Protein backbone atom coordinates (compact mmCIF):
# COMPACT_ATOMS: atom_id res chain seq x y z
CA MET A 1 0.00 0.00 0.00
CA SER A 2 1.54 3.30 -1.02
CA ARG A 3 1.54 6.37 1.21
CA LYS A 4 -0.30 9.52 0.21
CA THR A 5 2.02 11.69 -1.86
CA ARG A 6 2.65 15.21 -0.62
CA SER A 7 1.42 17.86 -3.05
CA ASP A 8 4.83 19.57 -2.94
CA ALA A 9 6.74 16.35 -3.72
CA TRP A 10 9.05 16.77 -6.68
CA GLY A 11 7.37 15.91 -9.98
CA GLU A 12 3.78 16.21 -8.75
CA ASN A 13 3.42 19.65 -10.33
CA LEU A 14 4.65 18.41 -13.74
CA PRO A 15 2.22 17.49 -16.52
CA GLU A 16 1.67 13.74 -16.74
CA ASP A 17 3.34 13.36 -20.15
CA VAL A 18 6.46 15.17 -18.86
CA ARG A 19 6.58 12.92 -15.79
CA TRP A 20 6.43 9.84 -18.03
CA ASP A 21 9.12 11.25 -20.33
CA ILE A 22 11.39 11.84 -17.34
CA TYR A 23 10.64 8.37 -15.97
CA ALA A 24 11.48 6.93 -19.39
CA LEU A 25 15.05 8.12 -18.80
CA THR A 26 15.45 5.18 -16.42
CA LYS A 27 14.35 2.74 -19.12
CA ALA A 28 15.43 3.89 -22.59
CA PRO A 29 19.11 4.69 -23.03
CA THR A 30 20.39 6.75 -25.95
CA GLN A 31 22.76 5.24 -28.49
CA GLU A 32 25.67 7.17 -26.93
CA GLN A 33 24.91 5.70 -23.51
CA ARG A 34 24.84 2.18 -24.89
CA GLU A 35 28.15 2.76 -26.65
CA ALA A 36 29.60 4.23 -23.44
CA GLY A 37 28.79 0.97 -21.65
CA ARG A 38 25.90 2.43 -19.67
CA PRO A 39 22.88 0.53 -20.94
CA TRP A 40 20.48 2.03 -18.35
CA LEU A 41 20.04 5.65 -17.30
CA ARG A 42 20.39 5.24 -13.56
CA ASP A 43 23.04 7.73 -12.62
CA TYR A 44 21.44 10.80 -11.06
CA ARG A 45 24.31 13.24 -11.62
CA ALA A 46 25.44 12.03 -15.04
CA ASP A 47 22.04 11.41 -16.60
CA VAL A 48 19.16 13.00 -14.74
CA LEU A 49 20.49 16.41 -13.79
CA PRO A 50 21.73 17.32 -17.31
CA TYR A 51 18.41 16.28 -18.81
CA LEU A 52 16.37 18.30 -16.30
CA ARG A 53 18.57 21.37 -16.76
CA ALA A 54 18.30 21.12 -20.54
CA ALA A 55 14.49 20.87 -20.19
CA GLY A 56 14.44 23.94 -17.92
CA LEU A 57 13.15 21.96 -14.93
CA ALA A 58 14.20 22.37 -11.32
CA ALA A 59 16.31 19.46 -10.19
CA PRO A 60 15.19 17.45 -7.18
CA GLY A 61 17.49 16.28 -4.47
CA ARG A 62 18.68 12.69 -4.66
CA SER A 63 16.00 11.47 -2.21
CA GLY A 64 13.30 13.46 -4.07
CA TRP A 65 14.41 11.80 -7.29
CA TYR A 66 14.23 8.30 -5.87
CA LEU A 67 10.83 8.99 -4.27
CA PHE A 68 9.65 10.21 -7.69
CA ILE A 69 10.98 7.04 -9.34
CA GLY A 70 9.23 4.93 -6.68
CA ARG A 71 5.89 6.67 -7.32
CA MET A 72 6.29 6.28 -11.07
CA ARG A 73 7.07 2.58 -10.69
CA GLU A 74 3.85 2.17 -8.70
CA GLU A 75 1.92 4.01 -11.41
CA GLU A 76 3.59 1.87 -14.08
CA ALA A 77 2.59 -1.28 -12.20
CA SER A 78 -1.00 0.01 -11.95
CA ARG A 79 -1.02 0.76 -15.67
CA THR A 80 0.31 -2.72 -16.42
CA ILE A 81 -2.38 -4.35 -14.30
CA ALA A 82 -5.06 -2.24 -15.96
CA SER A 83 -3.67 -3.09 -19.39
CA VAL A 84 -3.60 -6.82 -18.58
CA GLU A 85 -7.20 -6.66 -17.34
CA SER A 86 -8.18 -4.72 -20.45
CA SER A 87 -6.45 -7.31 -22.65
CA LYS A 88 -8.36 -10.10 -20.91
CA ARG A 89 -11.66 -8.25 -21.42
CA ILE A 90 -10.85 -7.70 -25.11
CA ALA A 91 -10.10 -11.41 -25.54
CA GLN A 92 -13.31 -12.38 -23.71
CA GLY A 93 -15.32 -9.91 -25.82
CA ILE A 94 -14.01 -11.44 -29.02
CA VAL A 95 -14.95 -14.90 -27.74
CA ARG A 96 -18.49 -13.73 -26.87
CA ALA A 97 -18.86 -11.95 -30.22
CA ASN A 98 -18.11 -15.22 -32.01
CA VAL A 99 -15.72 -13.46 -34.42
CA ASP A 100 -14.23 -15.41 -37.32
CA PRO A 101 -11.11 -17.16 -35.91
CA LYS A 102 -8.80 -15.82 -38.65
CA LEU A 103 -9.95 -12.24 -38.02
CA ALA A 104 -9.69 -12.77 -34.25
CA ALA A 105 -6.13 -14.14 -34.63
CA ASP A 106 -5.14 -11.09 -36.69
CA MET A 107 -6.73 -8.72 -34.15
CA MET A 108 -5.04 -10.44 -31.19
CA THR A 109 -1.67 -10.41 -32.96
CA SER A 110 -2.00 -6.69 -33.65
CA LEU A 111 -2.99 -5.96 -30.04
CA SER A 112 -0.10 -8.12 -28.80
CA VAL A 113 2.40 -6.19 -30.92
CA ASP A 114 0.97 -2.90 -29.61
CA ALA A 115 1.24 -4.09 -26.00
CA ALA A 116 4.82 -5.27 -26.55
CA ALA A 117 5.74 -1.92 -28.13
CA LYS A 118 4.41 -0.20 -25.01
CA GLY A 119 6.58 -2.45 -22.85
CA ASN A 120 3.65 -4.35 -21.37
CA ASP A 121 5.05 -7.86 -21.64
CA GLU A 122 2.30 -9.52 -19.57
CA ALA A 123 -0.51 -8.12 -21.73
CA ALA A 124 1.50 -8.94 -24.87
CA LYS A 125 1.85 -12.55 -23.69
CA ILE A 126 -1.88 -12.89 -22.93
CA LEU A 127 -2.79 -11.48 -26.33
CA ALA A 128 -0.15 -13.55 -28.15
CA ASP A 129 -1.45 -16.72 -26.48
CA SER A 130 -4.99 -15.82 -27.53
CA ALA A 131 -3.77 -15.11 -31.06
CA ALA A 132 -2.11 -18.54 -31.19
CA LYS A 133 -5.33 -20.22 -30.02
CA TYR A 134 -7.39 -18.35 -32.60
CA HIS A 135 -4.83 -19.17 -35.28
CA ALA A 136 -5.13 -22.87 -34.37
CA ALA A 137 -8.93 -22.55 -34.45
CA ALA A 138 -8.72 -20.83 -37.86
CA LEU A 139 -6.55 -23.67 -39.17
CA GLY A 140 -9.01 -26.19 -37.73
CA ALA A 141 -11.95 -24.37 -39.34
CA GLU A 142 -10.12 -24.26 -42.68
CA LYS A 143 -9.29 -27.98 -42.43
CA LEU A 144 -12.94 -28.73 -41.63
CA ARG A 145 -14.04 -26.60 -44.60
CA LEU A 146 -11.64 -28.43 -46.92
CA ASP A 147 -12.75 -31.82 -45.55
CA GLU A 148 -16.39 -30.87 -46.15
CA ALA A 149 -15.55 -29.73 -49.68
CA ARG A 150 -13.73 -33.01 -50.34
CA GLN A 151 -16.71 -34.92 -48.95
CA ARG A 152 -19.11 -32.99 -51.20
CA THR A 153 -16.85 -33.67 -54.21
CA ALA A 154 -16.65 -37.37 -53.35
CA GLU A 155 -20.44 -37.55 -52.94
CA ALA A 156 -20.94 -35.76 -56.27
CA GLN A 157 -18.54 -38.16 -57.99
CA LEU A 158 -20.32 -41.13 -56.41
CA GLN A 159 -23.70 -39.77 -57.53
CA LEU A 160 -22.36 -39.27 -61.07
CA ALA A 161 -20.95 -42.82 -61.14
CA ARG A 162 -24.31 -44.16 -59.86
CA GLU A 163 -26.20 -42.24 -62.55
CA LYS A 164 -23.82 -43.53 -65.25
CA PHE A 165 -24.22 -47.08 -63.95
CA GLU A 166 -28.02 -46.78 -63.87
CA ALA A 167 -28.05 -45.32 -67.41
CA ALA A 168 -25.85 -48.18 -68.63
CA GLN A 169 -28.17 -50.65 -66.87
CA ARG A 170 -31.21 -49.11 -68.60
CA ARG A 171 -29.49 -49.33 -72.01
CA GLU A 172 -28.58 -52.95 -71.37
CA ASP A 173 -32.15 -53.80 -70.34
CA ALA A 174 -33.50 -51.99 -73.42
CA ALA A 175 -31.03 -53.88 -75.65
CA LYS A 176 -32.02 -57.24 -74.15
CA ALA A 177 -35.69 -56.40 -74.61
CA ALA A 178 -35.08 -55.40 -78.26
CA LEU A 179 -33.07 -58.55 -79.00
CA GLY A 180 -35.71 -60.72 -77.34
CA ASP A 181 -38.59 -59.08 -79.20
CA THR A 182 -39.70 -61.67 -81.78
CA LYS A 183 -41.87 -59.14 -83.60
CA LEU A 184 -38.79 -57.16 -84.75
CA THR A 185 -36.82 -58.09 -87.87
CA ASP A 186 -33.03 -58.24 -87.78
CA GLU A 187 -32.84 -54.82 -89.48
CA ASP A 188 -35.27 -53.39 -86.88
CA LYS A 189 -33.16 -54.89 -84.07
CA ILE A 190 -29.97 -53.33 -85.52
CA ALA A 191 -31.72 -49.96 -85.84
CA ARG A 192 -32.98 -50.29 -82.28
CA MET A 193 -29.41 -51.10 -81.02
CA LYS A 194 -28.07 -48.01 -82.80
CA GLU A 195 -30.82 -45.98 -81.20
CA ILE A 196 -30.03 -47.37 -77.72
CA PHE A 197 -26.24 -47.20 -77.85
CA GLY A 198 -25.81 -44.33 -80.29
C-alpha cells in the first residue's frame, strides 16, 4: 500500500506526459549511452540532472528523485495491471462476439504487438497466447471446410458414377428387350441397337 504523496513532492506539479518522459530516462538509453557501456540511465548526476537542466526543470534532491521514481514505478505497475485486465476483457469480448477465428487471430496479434511496443510484456503474452489459439482454431476451421468440400466432391462423384451405372443398366435392359422381341426383324433390331447405344 503506497503512502499519500505530498502535493509539494518533486514531480507532482509536472504534466503527466512530462513525468512519463522523465521516468522513461530510467528505461530507454540513448545510443551514446549504450556505446559508453551504460545501458540504463540510472546515474542521477550524469544522466538525470543534465536532462532536467536542458528541459528547464528544477532538479530534485537525490532522495526526491528516488521517491519520484518509486511513485512512477507504482503508477507503471497500476497501468500494467489495468492493461492486462483490459487485454483479458478484449479477448473475452471477441470470444463472446463469435468473431471469425482468422480475423480474431489477426486482431489479437496486432494488439499483442501494440502491448509489446508499449513495454507491457504480460498483456503482450496474454494477447499472443490468444492469437495462437485463434490461429489454431482458424486452421481447424479451414481444415474442416476443406474436408467438407472433399466430402461434397466425393459424394458428387459417387452420384455421377451411380447415374452412369443406372443409365448403362437401362441401355442394357432396353437392348435385351429389343433382341428378345420376336416381332422385330433383324434390321429393326440393328436400328434399335443403334438408337439405344448411339
